[in-house]
């Protein structure tokens, strides 16, 4: 699955265009490397996401095309967060 789509489906970012812009600006890393919007992500990948002054590191637990809002947080596990209460509440 594309990185920008995963960020949207998992509701880490509210809109796919915002996810696309974040990736293009270099604010998302996949396994320590800059992630472009079209980067393919899979289970086990670690994403490091920058939200201005805040950072969140998440591990992908599942990749699905569609998921209900209540199940979105089951797609990832938060490993670290700096200055963020919940990653999907920012954007």
N, C-alpha and C. Protein backbone atom coordinates (compact mmCIF):
# COMPACT_ATOMS: atom_id res chain seq x y z
N UNK A 1 0.84 -1.17 0.00
CA UNK A 1 0.00 0.00 0.00
C UNK A 1 0.89 1.24 0.00
N UNK A 2 0.44 2.27 -0.68
CA UNK A 2 1.17 3.54 -0.72
C UNK A 2 1.20 4.17 0.67
N UNK A 3 2.29 4.85 0.96
CA UNK A 3 2.46 5.51 2.26
C UNK A 3 1.37 6.54 2.53
N UNK A 4 1.10 7.40 1.56
CA UNK A 4 0.08 8.43 1.78
C UNK A 4 -1.29 7.82 2.03
N UNK A 5 -1.61 6.74 1.35
CA UNK A 5 -2.90 6.08 1.56
C UNK A 5 -2.96 5.42 2.94
N UNK A 6 -1.86 4.80 3.38
CA UNK A 6 -1.85 4.19 4.71
C UNK A 6 -2.08 5.24 5.79
N UNK A 7 -1.42 6.39 5.67
CA UNK A 7 -1.61 7.45 6.66
C UNK A 7 -3.06 7.89 6.73
N UNK A 8 -3.74 7.93 5.60
CA UNK A 8 -5.15 8.31 5.54
C UNK A 8 -6.04 7.20 6.10
N UNK A 9 -5.85 5.96 5.65
CA UNK A 9 -6.70 4.85 6.08
C UNK A 9 -6.58 4.62 7.58
N UNK A 10 -5.37 4.75 8.11
CA UNK A 10 -5.14 4.54 9.54
C UNK A 10 -5.58 5.74 10.38
N UNK A 11 -5.95 6.82 9.70
CA UNK A 11 -6.37 8.05 10.34
C UNK A 11 -5.29 8.72 11.18
N UNK A 12 -4.04 8.45 10.86
CA UNK A 12 -2.94 9.18 11.47
C UNK A 12 -2.99 10.62 10.94
N UNK A 13 -3.37 10.74 9.67
CA UNK A 13 -3.58 12.05 9.03
C UNK A 13 -4.99 12.03 8.47
N UNK A 14 -5.70 13.15 8.62
CA UNK A 14 -7.12 13.18 8.26
C UNK A 14 -7.38 13.10 6.75
N UNK A 15 -6.55 13.77 5.96
CA UNK A 15 -6.79 13.81 4.51
C UNK A 15 -5.57 13.32 3.74
N UNK A 16 -5.84 12.62 2.65
CA UNK A 16 -4.75 12.05 1.85
C UNK A 16 -3.89 13.14 1.22
N UNK A 17 -4.49 14.24 0.84
CA UNK A 17 -3.68 15.31 0.25
C UNK A 17 -2.70 15.88 1.27
N UNK A 18 -3.12 15.97 2.52
CA UNK A 18 -2.23 16.44 3.58
C UNK A 18 -1.11 15.42 3.79
N UNK A 19 -1.46 14.13 3.78
CA UNK A 19 -0.46 13.07 3.92
C UNK A 19 0.54 13.14 2.77
N UNK A 20 0.04 13.37 1.56
CA UNK A 20 0.89 13.50 0.38
C UNK A 20 1.85 14.67 0.55
N UNK A 21 1.34 15.81 1.00
CA UNK A 21 2.18 16.99 1.20
C UNK A 21 3.24 16.75 2.28
N UNK A 22 2.87 16.08 3.37
CA UNK A 22 3.81 15.78 4.45
C UNK A 22 4.95 14.91 3.94
N UNK A 23 4.61 13.89 3.16
CA UNK A 23 5.63 12.99 2.60
C UNK A 23 6.55 13.74 1.64
N UNK A 24 5.97 14.55 0.77
CA UNK A 24 6.75 15.31 -0.20
C UNK A 24 7.69 16.30 0.48
N UNK A 25 7.28 16.81 1.64
CA UNK A 25 8.09 17.78 2.36
C UNK A 25 9.18 17.11 3.21
N UNK A 26 9.22 15.78 3.22
CA UNK A 26 10.24 15.07 3.97
C UNK A 26 9.96 14.94 5.45
N UNK A 27 8.69 15.07 5.85
CA UNK A 27 8.33 14.98 7.26
C UNK A 27 7.96 13.58 7.70
N UNK A 28 8.05 12.60 6.78
CA UNK A 28 7.74 11.21 7.12
C UNK A 28 8.91 10.34 6.69
N UNK A 29 9.38 9.50 7.60
CA UNK A 29 10.45 8.55 7.30
C UNK A 29 9.91 7.13 7.43
N UNK A 30 10.36 6.25 6.54
CA UNK A 30 9.99 4.84 6.59
C UNK A 30 11.27 4.06 6.84
N UNK A 31 11.34 3.40 7.98
CA UNK A 31 12.53 2.62 8.35
C UNK A 31 13.81 3.45 8.26
N UNK A 32 13.73 4.72 8.70
CA UNK A 32 14.91 5.57 8.73
C UNK A 32 15.25 6.28 7.43
N UNK A 33 14.46 6.06 6.40
CA UNK A 33 14.70 6.71 5.11
C UNK A 33 13.53 7.62 4.77
N UNK A 34 13.78 8.72 4.06
CA UNK A 34 12.67 9.61 3.69
C UNK A 34 11.62 8.85 2.88
N UNK A 35 10.37 9.04 3.24
CA UNK A 35 9.27 8.35 2.54
C UNK A 35 8.56 9.29 1.59
N UNK A 36 8.51 8.91 0.35
CA UNK A 36 7.76 9.66 -0.65
C UNK A 36 6.31 9.16 -0.62
N UNK A 37 5.36 9.93 -1.15
CA UNK A 37 3.96 9.51 -1.10
C UNK A 37 3.71 8.11 -1.69
N UNK A 38 4.45 7.73 -2.71
CA UNK A 38 4.24 6.44 -3.36
C UNK A 38 5.05 5.30 -2.79
N UNK A 39 5.80 5.54 -1.72
CA UNK A 39 6.59 4.48 -1.09
C UNK A 39 5.67 3.37 -0.61
N UNK A 40 6.00 2.13 -0.93
CA UNK A 40 5.20 1.00 -0.50
C UNK A 40 5.53 0.66 0.95
N UNK A 41 4.47 0.55 1.77
CA UNK A 41 4.66 0.17 3.17
C UNK A 41 4.07 -1.21 3.40
N UNK A 42 4.63 -1.92 4.39
CA UNK A 42 4.14 -3.26 4.71
C UNK A 42 4.18 -3.45 6.21
N UNK A 43 3.61 -4.55 6.67
CA UNK A 43 3.59 -4.87 8.09
C UNK A 43 5.02 -4.95 8.61
N UNK A 44 5.27 -4.31 9.76
CA UNK A 44 6.59 -4.32 10.36
C UNK A 44 7.39 -3.06 10.10
N UNK A 45 6.99 -2.26 9.12
CA UNK A 45 7.69 -1.00 8.84
C UNK A 45 7.48 -0.02 10.00
N UNK A 46 8.49 0.80 10.24
CA UNK A 46 8.42 1.83 11.29
C UNK A 46 8.38 3.19 10.61
N UNK A 47 7.37 3.98 10.96
CA UNK A 47 7.20 5.32 10.41
C UNK A 47 7.55 6.34 11.47
N UNK A 48 8.33 7.34 11.09
CA UNK A 48 8.66 8.46 11.96
C UNK A 48 8.01 9.69 11.32
N UNK A 49 7.01 10.25 12.00
CA UNK A 49 6.19 11.30 11.43
C UNK A 49 6.38 12.60 12.21
N UNK A 50 6.68 13.68 11.51
CA UNK A 50 6.85 14.99 12.13
C UNK A 50 5.63 15.86 11.92
N UNK A 51 5.10 16.38 13.04
CA UNK A 51 3.98 17.32 13.01
C UNK A 51 4.47 18.64 13.60
N UNK A 52 5.12 19.45 12.83
CA UNK A 52 5.65 20.70 13.37
C UNK A 52 6.71 20.42 14.42
N UNK A 53 6.43 20.75 15.69
CA UNK A 53 7.37 20.52 16.78
C UNK A 53 7.22 19.13 17.39
N UNK A 54 6.19 18.41 17.04
CA UNK A 54 5.93 17.08 17.60
C UNK A 54 6.39 15.98 16.65
N UNK A 55 6.72 14.84 17.23
CA UNK A 55 7.12 13.67 16.44
C UNK A 55 6.43 12.44 17.00
N UNK A 56 6.08 11.52 16.10
CA UNK A 56 5.48 10.25 16.50
C UNK A 56 6.17 9.15 15.72
N UNK A 57 6.51 8.07 16.40
CA UNK A 57 7.09 6.91 15.74
C UNK A 57 6.10 5.77 15.92
N UNK A 58 5.64 5.18 14.81
CA UNK A 58 4.67 4.09 14.86
C UNK A 58 5.18 2.88 14.08
N UNK A 59 4.73 1.71 14.51
CA UNK A 59 5.03 0.46 13.81
C UNK A 59 3.75 -0.03 13.16
N UNK A 60 3.83 -0.40 11.89
CA UNK A 60 2.65 -0.88 11.16
C UNK A 60 2.36 -2.32 11.57
N UNK A 61 1.13 -2.56 12.06
CA UNK A 61 0.72 -3.90 12.49
C UNK A 61 -0.13 -4.60 11.45
N UNK A 62 -0.84 -3.82 10.62
CA UNK A 62 -1.73 -4.40 9.61
C UNK A 62 -1.90 -3.39 8.49
N UNK A 63 -2.11 -3.89 7.29
CA UNK A 63 -2.34 -3.03 6.13
C UNK A 63 -3.63 -3.49 5.48
N UNK A 64 -4.62 -2.59 5.47
CA UNK A 64 -5.91 -2.91 4.84
C UNK A 64 -6.37 -1.72 4.01
N UNK A 65 -7.08 -2.00 2.94
CA UNK A 65 -7.56 -0.96 2.03
C UNK A 65 -8.65 -0.10 2.68
N UNK A 66 -9.53 -0.73 3.45
CA UNK A 66 -10.64 -0.02 4.09
C UNK A 66 -10.74 -0.49 5.53
N UNK A 67 -11.03 0.45 6.41
CA UNK A 67 -11.16 0.10 7.82
C UNK A 67 -12.15 1.08 8.45
N UNK A 68 -12.95 0.58 9.38
CA UNK A 68 -13.88 1.45 10.08
C UNK A 68 -13.12 2.33 11.06
N UNK A 69 -13.72 3.46 11.38
CA UNK A 69 -13.07 4.44 12.27
C UNK A 69 -12.65 3.80 13.59
N UNK A 70 -13.49 2.95 14.14
CA UNK A 70 -13.22 2.32 15.44
C UNK A 70 -12.02 1.37 15.37
N UNK A 71 -11.73 0.84 14.19
CA UNK A 71 -10.66 -0.14 14.03
C UNK A 71 -9.36 0.48 13.51
N UNK A 72 -9.37 1.75 13.20
CA UNK A 72 -8.21 2.40 12.58
C UNK A 72 -6.95 2.30 13.44
N UNK A 73 -7.09 2.46 14.74
CA UNK A 73 -5.91 2.43 15.62
C UNK A 73 -5.30 1.03 15.73
N UNK A 74 -6.01 0.00 15.28
CA UNK A 74 -5.46 -1.36 15.33
C UNK A 74 -4.45 -1.60 14.20
N UNK A 75 -4.32 -0.66 13.27
CA UNK A 75 -3.39 -0.81 12.15
C UNK A 75 -1.96 -0.47 12.53
N UNK A 76 -1.76 0.22 13.65
CA UNK A 76 -0.42 0.63 14.05
C UNK A 76 -0.28 0.64 15.57
N UNK A 77 0.97 0.65 16.00
CA UNK A 77 1.31 0.73 17.42
C UNK A 77 2.23 1.93 17.60
N UNK A 78 1.91 2.80 18.55
CA UNK A 78 2.76 3.96 18.81
C UNK A 78 3.96 3.51 19.62
N UNK A 79 5.15 3.72 19.08
CA UNK A 79 6.39 3.35 19.75
C UNK A 79 6.92 4.51 20.60
N UNK A 80 6.89 5.71 20.05
CA UNK A 80 7.37 6.91 20.74
C UNK A 80 6.51 8.08 20.32
N UNK A 81 6.35 9.03 21.24
CA UNK A 81 5.68 10.27 20.87
C UNK A 81 6.26 11.40 21.69
N UNK A 82 6.55 12.50 21.02
CA UNK A 82 7.09 13.70 21.66
C UNK A 82 6.11 14.84 21.46
N UNK A 83 5.51 15.29 22.55
CA UNK A 83 4.59 16.43 22.47
C UNK A 83 3.28 16.13 21.79
N UNK A 84 2.86 14.84 21.75
CA UNK A 84 1.63 14.46 21.09
C UNK A 84 0.81 13.58 22.01
N UNK A 85 -0.46 13.94 22.20
CA UNK A 85 -1.34 13.11 23.00
C UNK A 85 -1.77 11.88 22.20
N UNK A 86 -2.31 12.12 21.00
CA UNK A 86 -2.71 11.04 20.09
C UNK A 86 -2.36 11.47 18.68
N UNK A 87 -1.64 10.64 17.92
CA UNK A 87 -1.20 11.07 16.59
C UNK A 87 -2.34 11.39 15.63
N UNK A 88 -3.47 10.71 15.72
CA UNK A 88 -4.53 10.95 14.75
C UNK A 88 -5.38 12.15 15.10
N UNK A 89 -5.05 12.89 16.14
CA UNK A 89 -5.77 14.10 16.49
C UNK A 89 -5.10 15.35 15.94
N UNK A 90 -3.96 15.17 15.27
CA UNK A 90 -3.24 16.31 14.70
C UNK A 90 -3.39 16.33 13.20
N UNK A 91 -3.12 17.51 12.63
CA UNK A 91 -3.12 17.60 11.16
C UNK A 91 -3.50 18.96 10.71
